[in-house]
PDB file of N, CA and C in Angstrom:
ATOM      1  N   MET A   1      38.407  24.400 316.086  1.00  0.00           N
ATOM      2  CA  MET A   1      39.079  25.686 316.056  1.00  0.00           C
ATOM      3  C   MET A   1      40.218  25.695 315.031  1.00  0.00           C
ATOM      4  N   ILE A   2      41.055  24.645 315.062  1.00  0.00           N
ATOM      5  CA  ILE A   2      42.174  24.556 314.122  1.00  0.00           C
ATOM      6  C   ILE A   2      41.654  24.472 312.693  1.00  0.00           C
ATOM      7  N   GLU A   3      40.576  23.689 312.487  1.00  0.00           N
ATOM      8  CA  GLU A   3      40.020  23.543 311.139  1.00  0.00           C
ATOM      9  C   GLU A   3      39.559  24.888 310.587  1.00  0.00           C
ATOM     10  N   ALA A   4      38.922  25.697 311.437  1.00  0.00           N
ATOM     11  CA  ALA A   4      38.443  27.008 310.993  1.00  0.00           C
ATOM     12  C   ALA A   4      39.619  27.917 310.629  1.00  0.00           C
ATOM     13  N   ALA A   5      40.666  27.876 311.427  1.00  0.00           N
ATOM     14  CA  ALA A   5      41.840  28.704 311.141  1.00  0.00           C
ATOM     15  C   ALA A   5      42.518  28.260 309.849  1.00  0.00           C
ATOM     16  N   MET A   6      42.608  26.954 309.644  1.00  0.00           N
ATOM     17  CA  MET A   6      43.218  26.438 308.410  1.00  0.00           C
ATOM     18  C   MET A   6      42.393  26.836 307.194  1.00  0.00           C
ATOM     19  N   PHE A   7      41.068  26.742 307.318  1.00  0.00           N
ATOM     20  CA  PHE A   7      40.242  27.103 306.169  1.00  0.00           C
ATOM     21  C   PHE A   7      40.313  28.610 305.912  1.00  0.00           C
ATOM     22  N   THR A   8      40.387  29.400 306.974  1.00  0.00           N
ATOM     23  CA  THR A   8      40.544  30.848 306.796  1.00  0.00           C
ATOM     24  C   THR A   8      41.842  31.151 306.051  1.00  0.00           C
ATOM     25  N   ALA A   9      42.913  30.477 306.432  1.00  0.00           N
ATOM     26  CA  ALA A   9      44.189  30.652 305.730  1.00  0.00           C
ATOM     27  C   ALA A   9      44.061  30.212 304.272  1.00  0.00           C
ATOM     28  N   THR A  10      43.332  29.124 304.043  1.00  0.00           N
ATOM     29  CA  THR A  10      43.110  28.643 302.673  1.00  0.00           C
ATOM     30  C   THR A  10      42.382  29.689 301.844  1.00  0.00           C
ATOM     31  N   VAL A  11      41.353  30.288 302.424  1.00  0.00           N
ATOM     32  CA  VAL A  11      40.591  31.319 301.709  1.00  0.00           C
ATOM     33  C   VAL A  11      41.493  32.507 301.379  1.00  0.00           C
ATOM     34  N   ILE A  12      42.251  32.967 302.352  1.00  0.00           N
ATOM     35  CA  ILE A  12      43.113  34.138 302.140  1.00  0.00           C
ATOM     36  C   ILE A  12      44.138  33.868 301.043  1.00  0.00           C
ATOM     37  N   VAL A  13      44.829  32.748 301.134  1.00  0.00           N
ATOM     38  CA  VAL A  13      45.871  32.435 300.148  1.00  0.00           C
ATOM     39  C   VAL A  13      45.256  32.193 298.771  1.00  0.00           C
ATOM     40  N   SER A  14      44.129  31.485 298.718  1.00  0.00           N
ATOM     41  CA  SER A  14      43.489  31.195 297.426  1.00  0.00           C
ATOM     42  C   SER A  14      42.997  32.464 296.746  1.00  0.00           C
ATOM     43  N   VAL A  15      42.378  33.346 297.508  1.00  0.00           N
ATOM     44  CA  VAL A  15      41.877  34.602 296.929  1.00  0.00           C
ATOM     45  C   VAL A  15      43.047  35.485 296.492  1.00  0.00           C
ATOM     46  N   LEU A  16      44.085  35.557 297.305  1.00  0.00           N
ATOM     47  CA  LEU A  16      45.275  36.335 296.938  1.00  0.00           C
ATOM     48  C   LEU A  16      45.899  35.791 295.650  1.00  0.00           C
ATOM     49  N   LEU A  17      46.094  34.480 295.597  1.00  0.00           N
ATOM     50  CA  LEU A  17      46.702  33.879 294.411  1.00  0.00           C
ATOM     51  C   LEU A  17      45.808  34.053 293.190  1.00  0.00           C
ATOM     52  N   ALA A  18      44.499  33.887 293.347  1.00  0.00           N
ATOM     53  CA  ALA A  18      43.578  34.083 292.214  1.00  0.00           C
ATOM     54  C   ALA A  18      43.661  35.516 291.692  1.00  0.00           C
ATOM     55  N   GLY A  19      43.746  36.475 292.592  1.00  0.00           N
ATOM     56  CA  GLY A  19      43.876  37.871 292.174  1.00  0.00           C
ATOM     57  C   GLY A  19      45.178  38.127 291.432  1.00  0.00           C
ATOM     58  N   LEU A  20      46.267  37.572 291.940  1.00  0.00           N
ATOM     59  CA  LEU A  20      47.567  37.752 291.284  1.00  0.00           C
ATOM     60  C   LEU A  20      47.616  37.056 289.927  1.00  0.00           C
ATOM     61  N   LEU A  21      47.015  35.873 289.843  1.00  0.00           N
ATOM     62  CA  LEU A  21      46.968  35.173 288.554  1.00  0.00           C
ATOM     63  C   LEU A  21      46.157  35.968 287.539  1.00  0.00           C
ATOM     64  N   SER A  22      45.049  36.551 287.989  1.00  0.00           N
ATOM     65  CA  SER A  22      44.217  37.366 287.093  1.00  0.00           C
ATOM     66  C   SER A  22      44.974  38.604 286.629  1.00  0.00           C
ATOM     67  N   TRP A  23      45.704  39.212 287.542  1.00  0.00           N
ATOM     68  CA  TRP A  23      46.493  40.400 287.201  1.00  0.00           C
ATOM     69  C   TRP A  23      47.563  40.071 286.159  1.00  0.00           C
ATOM     70  N   THR A  24      48.293  38.987 286.375  1.00  0.00           N
ATOM     71  CA  THR A  24      49.347  38.647 285.420  1.00  0.00           C
ATOM     72  C   THR A  24      48.758  38.182 284.090  1.00  0.00           C
ATOM     73  N   ALA A  25      47.575  37.560 284.122  1.00  0.00           N
ATOM     74  CA  ALA A  25      46.899  37.191 282.870  1.00  0.00           C
ATOM     75  C   ALA A  25      46.509  38.445 282.092  1.00  0.00           C
ATOM     76  N   ALA A  26      46.005  39.446 282.797  1.00  0.00           N
ATOM     77  CA  ALA A  26      45.626  40.701 282.132  1.00  0.00           C
ATOM     78  C   ALA A  26      46.844  41.363 281.490  1.00  0.00           C
ATOM     79  N   ARG A  27      47.988  41.288 282.152  1.00  0.00           N
ATOM     80  CA  ARG A  27      49.221  41.844 281.570  1.00  0.00           C
ATOM     81  C   ARG A  27      49.581  41.119 280.276  1.00  0.00           C
ATOM     82  N   LYS A  28      49.436  39.806 280.275  1.00  0.00           N
ATOM     83  CA  LYS A  28      49.731  39.041 279.056  1.00  0.00           C
ATOM     84  C   LYS A  28      48.756  39.400 277.941  1.00  0.00           C
ATOM     85  N   LEU A  29      47.486  39.522 278.280  1.00  0.00           N
ATOM     86  CA  LEU A  29      46.461  39.823 277.272  1.00  0.00           C
ATOM     87  C   LEU A  29      46.632  41.215 276.677  1.00  0.00           C
ATOM     88  N   GLY A  30      47.273  42.117 277.412  1.00  0.00           N
ATOM     89  CA  GLY A  30      47.484  43.478 276.922  1.00  0.00           C
ATOM     90  C   GLY A  30      48.551  43.588 275.841  1.00  0.00           C
ATOM     91  N   HIS A  31      49.437  42.597 275.762  1.00  0.00           N
ATOM     92  CA  HIS A  31      50.506  42.572 274.749  1.00  0.00           C
ATOM     93  C   HIS A  31      51.313  43.877 274.702  1.00  0.00           C
ATOM     94  N   ARG A  32      51.487  44.502 275.862  1.00  0.00           N
ATOM     95  CA  ARG A  32      52.306  45.720 275.895  1.00  0.00           C
ATOM     96  C   ARG A  32      53.760  45.353 275.613  1.00  0.00           C
ATOM     97  N   PRO A  33      54.487  46.222 274.904  1.00  0.00           N
ATOM     98  CA  PRO A  33      55.871  45.899 274.520  1.00  0.00           C
ATOM     99  C   PRO A  33      56.779  45.432 275.665  1.00  0.00           C
ATOM    100  N   PRO A  34      56.749  46.053 276.858  1.00  0.00           N
ATOM    101  CA  PRO A  34      57.646  45.556 277.916  1.00  0.00           C
ATOM    102  C   PRO A  34      57.308  44.124 278.348  1.00  0.00           C
ATOM    103  N   VAL A  35      56.019  43.796 278.349  1.00  0.00           N
ATOM    104  CA  VAL A  35      55.595  42.445 278.734  1.00  0.00           C
ATOM    105  C   VAL A  35      56.024  41.450 277.661  1.00  0.00           C
ATOM    106  N   VAL A  36      55.771  41.790 276.413  1.00  0.00           N
ATOM    107  CA  VAL A  36      56.158  40.918 275.295  1.00  0.00           C
ATOM    108  C   VAL A  36      57.666  40.675 275.318  1.00  0.00           C
ATOM    109  N   GLU A  37      58.430  41.729 275.549  1.00  0.00           N
ATOM    110  CA  GLU A  37      59.891  41.613 275.589  1.00  0.00           C
ATOM    111  C   GLU A  37      60.345  40.724 276.743  1.00  0.00           C
ATOM    112  N   SER A  38      59.697  40.859 277.887  1.00  0.00           N
ATOM    113  CA  SER A  38      60.040  40.043 279.042  1.00  0.00           C
ATOM    114  C   SER A  38      59.864  38.555 278.736  1.00  0.00           C
ATOM    115  N   TYR A  39      58.779  38.209 278.079  1.00  0.00           N
ATOM    116  CA  TYR A  39      58.537  36.806 277.734  1.00  0.00           C
ATOM    117  C   TYR A  39      59.442  36.347 276.598  1.00  0.00           C
ATOM    118  N   ARG A  40      59.767  37.242 275.684  1.00  0.00           N
ATOM    119  CA  ARG A  40      60.678  36.888 274.597  1.00  0.00           C
ATOM    120  C   ARG A  40      62.044  36.492 275.155  1.00  0.00           C
ATOM    121  N   ARG A  41      62.486  37.199 276.203  1.00  0.00           N
ATOM    122  CA  ARG A  41      63.799  36.904 276.796  1.00  0.00           C
ATOM    123  C   ARG A  41      63.876  35.498 277.384  1.00  0.00           C
ATOM    124  N   VAL A  42      62.742  34.928 277.779  1.00  0.00           N
ATOM    125  CA  VAL A  42      62.766  33.558 278.315  1.00  0.00           C
ATOM    126  C   VAL A  42      62.334  32.534 277.270  1.00  0.00           C
ATOM    127  N   GLY A  43      62.172  32.980 276.032  1.00  0.00           N
ATOM    128  CA  GLY A  43      61.881  32.049 274.952  1.00  0.00           C
ATOM    129  C   GLY A  43      60.416  31.822 274.654  1.00  0.00           C
ATOM    130  N   VAL A  44      59.543  32.706 275.134  1.00  0.00           N
ATOM    131  CA  VAL A  44      58.103  32.565 274.885  1.00  0.00           C
ATOM    132  C   VAL A  44      57.699  33.575 273.813  1.00  0.00           C
ATOM    133  N   PRO A  45      57.241  33.095 272.654  1.00  0.00           N
ATOM    134  CA  PRO A  45      56.822  34.028 271.601  1.00  0.00           C
ATOM    135  C   PRO A  45      55.508  34.721 271.960  1.00  0.00           C
ATOM    136  N   GLU A  46      55.323  35.899 271.411  1.00  0.00           N
ATOM    137  CA  GLU A  46      54.122  36.685 271.710  1.00  0.00           C
ATOM    138  C   GLU A  46      52.842  35.914 271.407  1.00  0.00           C
ATOM    139  N   ARG A  47      52.850  35.098 270.373  1.00  0.00           N
ATOM    140  CA  ARG A  47      51.629  34.380 269.993  1.00  0.00           C
ATOM    141  C   ARG A  47      51.158  33.403 271.078  1.00  0.00           C
ATOM    142  N   ARG A  48      51.998  33.086 272.040  1.00  0.00           N
ATOM    143  CA  ARG A  48      51.636  32.167 273.133  1.00  0.00           C
ATOM    144  C   ARG A  48      51.051  32.886 274.358  1.00  0.00           C
ATOM    145  N   LEU A  49      51.130  34.193 274.395  1.00  0.00           N
ATOM    146  CA  LEU A  49      50.708  34.922 275.592  1.00  0.00           C
ATOM    147  C   LEU A  49      49.225  34.739 275.897  1.00  0.00           C
ATOM    148  N   ASN A  50      48.371  34.739 274.880  1.00  0.00           N
ATOM    149  CA  ASN A  50      46.939  34.565 275.138  1.00  0.00           C
ATOM    150  C   ASN A  50      46.649  33.194 275.736  1.00  0.00           C
ATOM    151  N   ALA A  51      47.314  32.162 275.235  1.00  0.00           N
ATOM    152  CA  ALA A  51      47.111  30.818 275.778  1.00  0.00           C
ATOM    153  C   ALA A  51      47.588  30.745 277.230  1.00  0.00           C
ATOM    154  N   LEU A  52      48.728  31.354 277.509  1.00  0.00           N
ATOM    155  CA  LEU A  52      49.225  31.368 278.886  1.00  0.00           C
ATOM    156  C   LEU A  52      48.269  32.126 279.800  1.00  0.00           C
ATOM    157  N   ALA A  53      47.722  33.231 279.299  1.00  0.00           N
ATOM    158  CA  ALA A  53      46.750  33.996 280.087  1.00  0.00           C
ATOM    159  C   ALA A  53      45.509  33.157 280.364  1.00  0.00           C
ATOM    160  N   ALA A  54      45.052  32.400 279.382  1.00  0.00           N
ATOM    161  CA  ALA A  54      43.871  31.550 279.577  1.00  0.00           C
ATOM    162  C   ALA A  54      44.132  30.491 280.647  1.00  0.00           C
ATOM    163  N   ILE A  55      45.330  29.926 280.650  1.00  0.00           N
ATOM    164  CA  ILE A  55      45.683  28.937 281.676  1.00  0.00           C
ATOM    165  C   ILE A  55      45.653  29.581 283.059  1.00  0.00           C
ATOM    166  N   LEU A  56      46.209  30.772 283.168  1.00  0.00           N
ATOM    167  CA  LEU A  56      46.215  31.469 284.458  1.00  0.00           C
ATOM    168  C   LEU A  56      44.807  31.813 284.919  1.00  0.00           C
ATOM    169  N   LEU A  57      43.957  32.251 283.997  1.00  0.00           N
ATOM    170  CA  LEU A  57      42.572  32.579 284.362  1.00  0.00           C
ATOM    171  C   LEU A  57      41.807  31.328 284.778  1.00  0.00           C
ATOM    172  N   ALA A  58      42.071  30.210 284.119  1.00  0.00           N
ATOM    173  CA  ALA A  58      41.440  28.951 284.530  1.00  0.00           C
ATOM    174  C   ALA A  58      41.898  28.567 285.936  1.00  0.00           C
ATOM    175  N   GLY A  59      43.180  28.759 286.214  1.00  0.00           N
ATOM    176  CA  GLY A  59      43.685  28.479 287.555  1.00  0.00           C
ATOM    177  C   GLY A  59      43.047  29.369 288.603  1.00  0.00           C
ATOM    178  N   ALA A  60      42.903  30.649 288.281  1.00  0.00           N
ATOM    179  CA  ALA A  60      42.269  31.587 289.218  1.00  0.00           C
ATOM    180  C   ALA A  60      40.826  31.184 289.492  1.00  0.00           C
ATOM    181  N   ALA A  61      40.096  30.861 288.436  1.00  0.00           N
ATOM    182  CA  ALA A  61      38.698  30.439 288.608  1.00  0.00           C
ATOM    183  C   ALA A  61      38.626  29.154 289.417  1.00  0.00           C
ATOM    184  N   GLY A  62      39.518  28.218 289.132  1.00  0.00           N
ATOM    185  CA  GLY A  62      39.530  26.955 289.862  1.00  0.00           C
ATOM    186  C   GLY A  62      39.832  27.134 291.337  1.00  0.00           C
ATOM    187  N   LEU A  63      40.730  28.039 291.657  1.00  0.00           N
ATOM    188  CA  LEU A  63      41.034  28.304 293.066  1.00  0.00           C
ATOM    189  C   LEU A  63      39.806  28.819 293.805  1.00  0.00           C
ATOM    190  N   LEU A  64      39.054  29.698 293.154  1.00  0.00           N
ATOM    191  CA  LEU A  64      37.864  30.259 293.803  1.00  0.00           C
ATOM    192  C   LEU A  64      36.745  29.230 293.903  1.00  0.00           C
ATOM    193  N   VAL A  65      36.489  28.503 292.822  1.00  0.00           N
ATOM    194  CA  VAL A  65      35.471  27.437 292.864  1.00  0.00           C
ATOM    195  C   VAL A  65      35.877  26.390 293.896  1.00  0.00           C
ATOM    196  N   GLY A  66      37.177  26.153 293.991  1.00  0.00           N
ATOM    197  CA  GLY A  66      37.693  25.158 294.915  1.00  0.00           C
ATOM    198  C   GLY A  66      37.462  25.465 296.377  1.00  0.00           C
ATOM    199  N   LEU A  67      37.092  26.679 296.691  1.00  0.00           N
ATOM    200  CA  LEU A  67      36.744  26.991 298.081  1.00  0.00           C
ATOM    201  C   LEU A  67      35.431  26.322 298.468  1.00  0.00           C
ATOM    202  N   TRP A  68      34.593  26.038 297.476  1.00  0.00           N
ATOM    203  CA  TRP A  68      33.329  25.346 297.723  1.00  0.00           C
ATOM    204  C   TRP A  68      33.409  23.870 297.366  1.00  0.00           C
ATOM    205  N   TRP A  69      34.198  23.535 296.376  1.00  0.00           N
ATOM    206  CA  TRP A  69      34.340  22.148 295.933  1.00  0.00           C
ATOM    207  C   TRP A  69      35.827  21.816 295.948  1.00  0.00           C
ATOM    208  N   ALA A  70      36.250  21.220 297.039  1.00  0.00           N
ATOM    209  CA  ALA A  70      37.672  21.027 297.328  1.00  0.00           C
ATOM    210  C   ALA A  70      38.480  20.361 296.209  1.00  0.00           C
ATOM    211  N   PRO A  71      37.983  19.312 295.554  1.00  0.00           N
ATOM    212  CA  PRO A  71      38.810  18.688 294.511  1.00  0.00           C
ATOM    213  C   PRO A  71      39.208  19.661 293.393  1.00  0.00           C
ATOM    214  N   VAL A  72      38.336  20.592 293.076  1.00  0.00           N
ATOM    215  CA  VAL A  72      38.657  21.592 292.053  1.00  0.00           C
ATOM    216  C   VAL A  72      39.768  22.509 292.562  1.00  0.00           C
ATOM    217  N   GLY A  73      39.692  22.887 293.823  1.00  0.00           N
ATOM    218  CA  GLY A  73      40.726  23.743 294.401  1.00  0.00           C
ATOM    219  C   GLY A  73      42.085  23.075 294.440  1.00  0.00           C
ATOM    220  N   VAL A  74      42.104  21.793 294.799  1.00  0.00           N
ATOM    221  CA  VAL A  74      43.365  21.049 294.819  1.00  0.00           C
ATOM    222  C   VAL A  74      43.937  20.965 293.409  1.00  0.00           C
ATOM    223  N   ALA A  75      43.086  20.633 292.440  1.00  0.00           N
ATOM    224  CA  ALA A  75      43.550  20.515 291.050  1.00  0.00           C
ATOM    225  C   ALA A  75      44.066  21.854 290.523  1.00  0.00           C
ATOM    226  N   ALA A  76      43.346  22.930 290.817  1.00  0.00           N
ATOM    227  CA  ALA A  76      43.766  24.254 290.338  1.00  0.00           C
ATOM    228  C   ALA A  76      45.090  24.670 290.972  1.00  0.00           C
ATOM    229  N   ALA A  77      45.214  24.460 292.263  1.00  0.00           N
ATOM    230  CA  ALA A  77      46.453  24.838 292.946  1.00  0.00           C
ATOM    231  C   ALA A  77      47.627  23.993 292.455  1.00  0.00           C
ATOM    232  N   ALA A  78      47.409  22.694 292.308  1.00  0.00           N
ATOM    233  CA  ALA A  78      48.479  21.816 291.821  1.00  0.00           C
ATOM    234  C   ALA A  78      48.851  22.160 290.379  1.00  0.00           C
ATOM    235  N   GLY A  79      47.855  22.467 289.560  1.00  0.00           N
ATOM    236  CA  GLY A  79      48.131  22.879 288.185  1.00  0.00           C
ATOM    237  C   GLY A  79      48.930  24.167 288.132  1.00  0.00           C
ATOM    238  N   THR A  80      48.635  25.072 289.048  1.00  0.00           N
ATOM    239  CA  THR A  80      49.370  26.331 289.121  1.00  0.00           C
ATOM    240  C   THR A  80      50.822  26.081 289.535  1.00  0.00           C
ATOM    241  N   VAL A  81      51.029  25.133 290.434  1.00  0.00           N
ATOM    242  CA  VAL A  81      52.401  24.745 290.793  1.00  0.00           C
ATOM    243  C   VAL A  81      53.135  24.268 289.539  1.00  0.00           C
ATOM    244  N   GLY A  82      52.478  23.411 288.765  1.00  0.00           N
ATOM    245  CA  GLY A  82      53.096  22.914 287.535  1.00  0.00           C
ATOM    246  C   GLY A  82      53.432  24.024 286.561  1.00  0.00           C
ATOM    247  N   TYR A  83      52.500  24.948 286.378  1.00  0.00           N
ATOM    248  CA  TYR A  83      52.708  26.083 285.468  1.00  0.00           C
ATOM    249  C   TYR A  83      53.963  26.856 285.868  1.00  0.00           C
ATOM    250  N   PHE A  84      54.081  27.154 287.165  1.00  0.00           N
ATOM    251  CA  PHE A  84      55.214  27.973 287.598  1.00  0.00           C
ATOM    252  C   PHE A  84      56.516  27.181 287.710  1.00  0.00           C
ATOM    253  N   LEU A  85      56.444  25.862 287.862  1.00  0.00           N
ATOM    254  CA  LEU A  85      57.662  25.057 287.748  1.00  0.00           C
ATOM    255  C   LEU A  85      58.232  25.172 286.335  1.00  0.00           C
ATOM    256  N   VAL A  86      57.346  25.112 285.351  1.00  0.00           N
ATOM    257  CA  VAL A  86      57.784  25.273 283.959  1.00  0.00           C
ATOM    258  C   VAL A  86      58.348  26.680 283.745  1.00  0.00           C
ATOM    259  N   ALA A  87      57.675  27.686 284.308  1.00  0.00           N
ATOM    260  CA  ALA A  87      58.157  29.067 284.162  1.00  0.00           C
ATOM    261  C   ALA A  87      59.552  29.228 284.762  1.00  0.00           C
ATOM    262  N   VAL A  88      59.763  28.664 285.937  1.00  0.00           N
ATOM    263  CA  VAL A  88      61.092  28.723 286.558  1.00  0.00           C
ATOM    264  C   VAL A  88      62.109  28.021 285.657  1.00  0.00           C
ATOM    265  N   GLY A  89      61.719  26.893 285.105  1.00  0.00           N
ATOM    266  CA  GLY A  89      62.604  26.174 284.189  1.00  0.00           C
ATOM    267  C   GLY A  89      62.994  27.010 282.982  1.00  0.00           C
ATOM    268  N   PHE A  90      62.032  27.734 282.406  1.00  0.00           N
ATOM    269  CA  PHE A  90      62.326  28.605 281.263  1.00  0.00           C
ATOM    270  C   PHE A  90      63.322  29.692 281.663  1.00  0.00           C
ATOM    271  N   HIS A  91      63.133  30.264 282.852  1.00  0.00           N
ATOM    272  CA  HIS A  91      64.053  31.310 283.313  1.00  0.00           C
ATOM    273  C   HIS A  91      65.467  30.752 283.501  1.00  0.00           C
ATOM    274  N   LEU A  92      65.557  29.575 284.085  1.00  0.00           N
ATOM    275  CA  LEU A  92      66.873  28.987 284.318  1.00  0.00           C
ATOM    276  C   LEU A  92      67.536  28.571 283.006  1.00  0.00           C
ATOM    277  N   ARG A  93      66.753  28.009 282.100  1.00  0.00           N
ATOM    278  CA  ARG A  93      67.292  27.555 280.816  1.00  0.00           C
ATOM    279  C   ARG A  93      67.896  28.709 280.021  1.00  0.00           C
ATOM    280  N   THR A  94      67.226  29.861 280.078  1.00  0.00           N
ATOM    281  CA  THR A  94      67.702  31.021 279.316  1.00  0.00           C
ATOM    282  C   THR A  94      68.594  31.945 280.154  1.00  0.00           C
ATOM    283  N   ARG A  95      68.831  31.555 281.392  1.00  0.00           N
ATOM    284  CA  ARG A  95      69.649  32.345 282.324  1.00  0.00           C
ATOM    285  C   ARG A  95      69.101  33.757 282.519  1.00  0.00           C
ATOM    286  N   GLU A  96      67.792  33.867 282.486  1.00  0.00           N
ATOM    287  CA  GLU A  96      67.122  35.162 282.723  1.00  0.00           C
ATOM    288  C   GLU A  96      66.865  35.265 284.230  1.00  0.00           C
ATOM    289  N   LEU A  97      67.920  35.568 284.959  1.00  0.00           N
ATOM    290  CA  LEU A  97      67.853  35.557 286.418  1.00  0.00           C
ATOM    291  C   LEU A  97      67.280  36.846 286.992  1.00  0.00           C
ATOM    292  N   ARG A  98      67.271  37.897 286.206  1.00  0.00           N
ATOM    293  CA  ARG A  98      66.765  39.185 286.696  1.00  0.00           C
ATOM    294  C   ARG A  98      65.292  39.085 287.077  1.00  0.00           C
ATOM    295  N   THR A  99      64.509  38.360 286.292  1.00  0.00           N
ATOM    296  CA  THR A  99      63.070  38.252 286.569  1.00  0.00           C
ATOM    297  C   THR A  99      62.695  36.905 287.181  1.00  0.00           C
ATOM    298  N   LEU A 100      63.674  36.077 287.515  1.00  0.00           N
ATOM    299  CA  LEU A 100      63.405  34.772 288.124  1.00  0.00           C
ATOM    300  C   LEU A 100      62.610  34.852 289.429  1.00  0.00           C
ATOM    301  N   PRO A 101      62.819  35.858 290.280  1.00  0.00           N
ATOM    302  CA  PRO A 101      62.042  35.900 291.526  1.00  0.00           C
ATOM    303  C   PRO A 101      60.521  35.929 291.315  1.00  0.00           C
ATOM    304  N   ASN A 102      60.061  36.451 290.182  1.00  0.00           N
ATOM    305  CA  ASN A 102      58.611  36.511 289.951  1.00  0.00           C
ATOM    306  C   ASN A 102      57.980  35.124 289.901  1.00  0.00           C
ATOM    307  N   PRO A 103      58.415  34.227 289.009  1.00  0.00           N
ATOM    308  CA  PRO A 103      57.780  32.912 289.002  1.00  0.00           C
ATOM    309  C   PRO A 103      58.077  32.106 290.264  1.00  0.00           C
ATOM    310  N   VAL A 104      59.221  32.355 290.896  1.00  0.00           N
ATOM    311  CA  VAL A 104      59.522  31.646 292.141  1.00  0.00           C
ATOM    312  C   VAL A 104      58.516  32.042 293.223  1.00  0.00           C
ATOM    313  N   ALA A 105      58.205  33.324 293.324  1.00  0.00           N
ATOM    314  CA  ALA A 105      57.225  33.780 294.320  1.00  0.00           C
ATOM    315  C   ALA A 105      55.850  33.170 294.048  1.00  0.00           C
ATOM    316  N   PHE A 106      55.446  33.161 292.785  1.00  0.00           N
ATOM    317  CA  PHE A 106      54.168  32.539 292.434  1.00  0.00           C
ATOM    318  C   PHE A 106      54.193  31.045 292.744  1.00  0.00           C
ATOM    319  N   LEU A 107      55.309  30.387 292.472  1.00  0.00           N
ATOM    320  CA  LEU A 107      55.446  28.956 292.745  1.00  0.00           C
ATOM    321  C   LEU A 107      55.278  28.668 294.234  1.00  0.00           C
ATOM    322  N   VAL A 108      55.923  29.458 295.060  1.00  0.00           N
ATOM    323  CA  VAL A 108      55.812  29.269 296.511  1.00  0.00           C
ATOM    324  C   VAL A 108      54.373  29.483 296.964  1.00  0.00           C
ATOM    325  N   LEU A 109      53.738  30.537 296.486  1.00  0.00           N
ATOM    326  CA  LEU A 109      52.350  30.808 296.866  1.00  0.00           C
ATOM    327  C   LEU A 109      51.425  29.685 296.394  1.00  0.00           C
ATOM    328  N   ALA A 110      51.648  29.181 295.198  1.00  0.00           N
ATOM    329  CA  ALA A 110      50.828  28.079 294.683  1.00  0.00           C
ATOM    330  C   ALA A 110      51.050  26.805 295.498  1.00  0.00           C
ATOM    331  N   ALA A 111      52.282  26.554 295.914  1.00  0.00           N
ATOM    332  CA  ALA A 111      52.566  25.382 296.745  1.00  0.00           C
ATOM    333  C   ALA A 111      51.875  25.503 298.100  1.00  0.00           C
ATOM    334  N   VAL A 112      51.882  26.697 298.667  1.00  0.00           N
ATOM    335  CA  VAL A 112      51.182  26.925 299.937  1.00  0.00           C
ATOM    336  C   VAL A 112      49.679  26.712 299.748  1.00  0.00           C
ATOM    337  N   ALA A 113      49.127  27.228 298.661  1.00  0.00           N
ATOM    338  CA  ALA A 113      47.695  27.047 298.386  1.00  0.00           C
ATOM    339  C   ALA A 113      47.362  25.565 298.248  1.00  0.00           C
ATOM    340  N   THR A 114      48.221  24.820 297.578  1.00  0.00           N
ATOM    341  CA  THR A 114      47.992  23.378 297.418  1.00  0.00           C
ATOM    342  C   THR A 114      48.004  22.685 298.775  1.00  0.00           C
ATOM    343  N   GLY A 115      49.016  22.967 299.569  1.00  0.00           N
ATOM    344  CA  GLY A 115      49.111  22.342 300.884  1.00  0.00           C
ATOM    345  C   GLY A 115      47.945  22.680 301.789  1.00  0.00           C
ATOM    346  N   LEU A 116      47.546  23.941 301.786  1.00  0.00           N
ATOM    347  CA  LEU A 116      46.416  24.346 302.624  1.00  0.00           C
ATOM    348  C   LEU A 116      45.123  23.678 302.170  1.00  0.00           C
ATOM    349  N   ARG A 117      44.915  23.622 300.843  1.00  0.00           N
ATOM    350  CA  ARG A 117      43.658  23.026 300.368  1.00  0.00           C
ATOM    351  C   ARG A 117      43.634  21.544 300.673  1.00  0.00           C
ATOM    352  N   LEU A 118      44.767  20.881 300.553  1.00  0.00           N
ATOM    353  CA  LEU A 118      44.829  19.463 300.914  1.00  0.00           C
ATOM    354  C   LEU A 118      44.590  19.267 302.410  1.00  0.00           C
ATOM    355  N   ALA A 119      45.086  20.183 303.221  1.00  0.00           N
ATOM    356  CA  ALA A 119      44.933  20.073 304.675  1.00  0.00           C
ATOM    357  C   ALA A 119      43.505  20.320 305.133  1.00  0.00           C
ATOM    358  N   THR A 120      42.702  20.946 304.285  1.00  0.00           N
ATOM    359  CA  THR A 120      41.332  21.286 304.699  1.00  0.00           C
ATOM    360  C   THR A 120      40.284  20.444 303.980  1.00  0.00           C
ATOM    361  N   LEU A 121      40.689  19.313 303.439  1.00  0.00           N
ATOM    362  CA  LEU A 121      39.711  18.429 302.777  1.00  0.00           C
ATOM    363  C   LEU A 121      38.728  17.866 303.777  1.00  0.00           C
TER     364      LEU A 121
END
C-alpha cells in the first residue's frame, strides 16, 4: 500500500515538474524581450537560451522515461537539481532577488522528485 502511494506521488511530481520544465524551455526558445531581459539581469546572454532550453527539455523527457526506467528518472531529477542550484547561484551572485523565488521553487520540486524516485526504486 505504501509503495503504491509513494509511486503515485512520484508520478504526480514527475509529470508536474516535466510540464513546468517544458513550459520554461518554451519561454526560453521564444526569445521574447522580457524573457531575454530577465536572463540578462542574472548574467545569461541570449545566445545561451537555446542550450538552456535543451537541457530543460532533456530533463523533462528523462523524468517521464524515468517513470518506467528508474535510473533515468533518478539521473534526470538529480540533474535538474544541479541545474537549478546553478540558477540560484546566478541569482545570488548578481543580487537579482526579485526573481529568485522562481529557481528556488523549481529546485525544491526537483529535490522532491529526486527523493521520491529514489524512494521508489
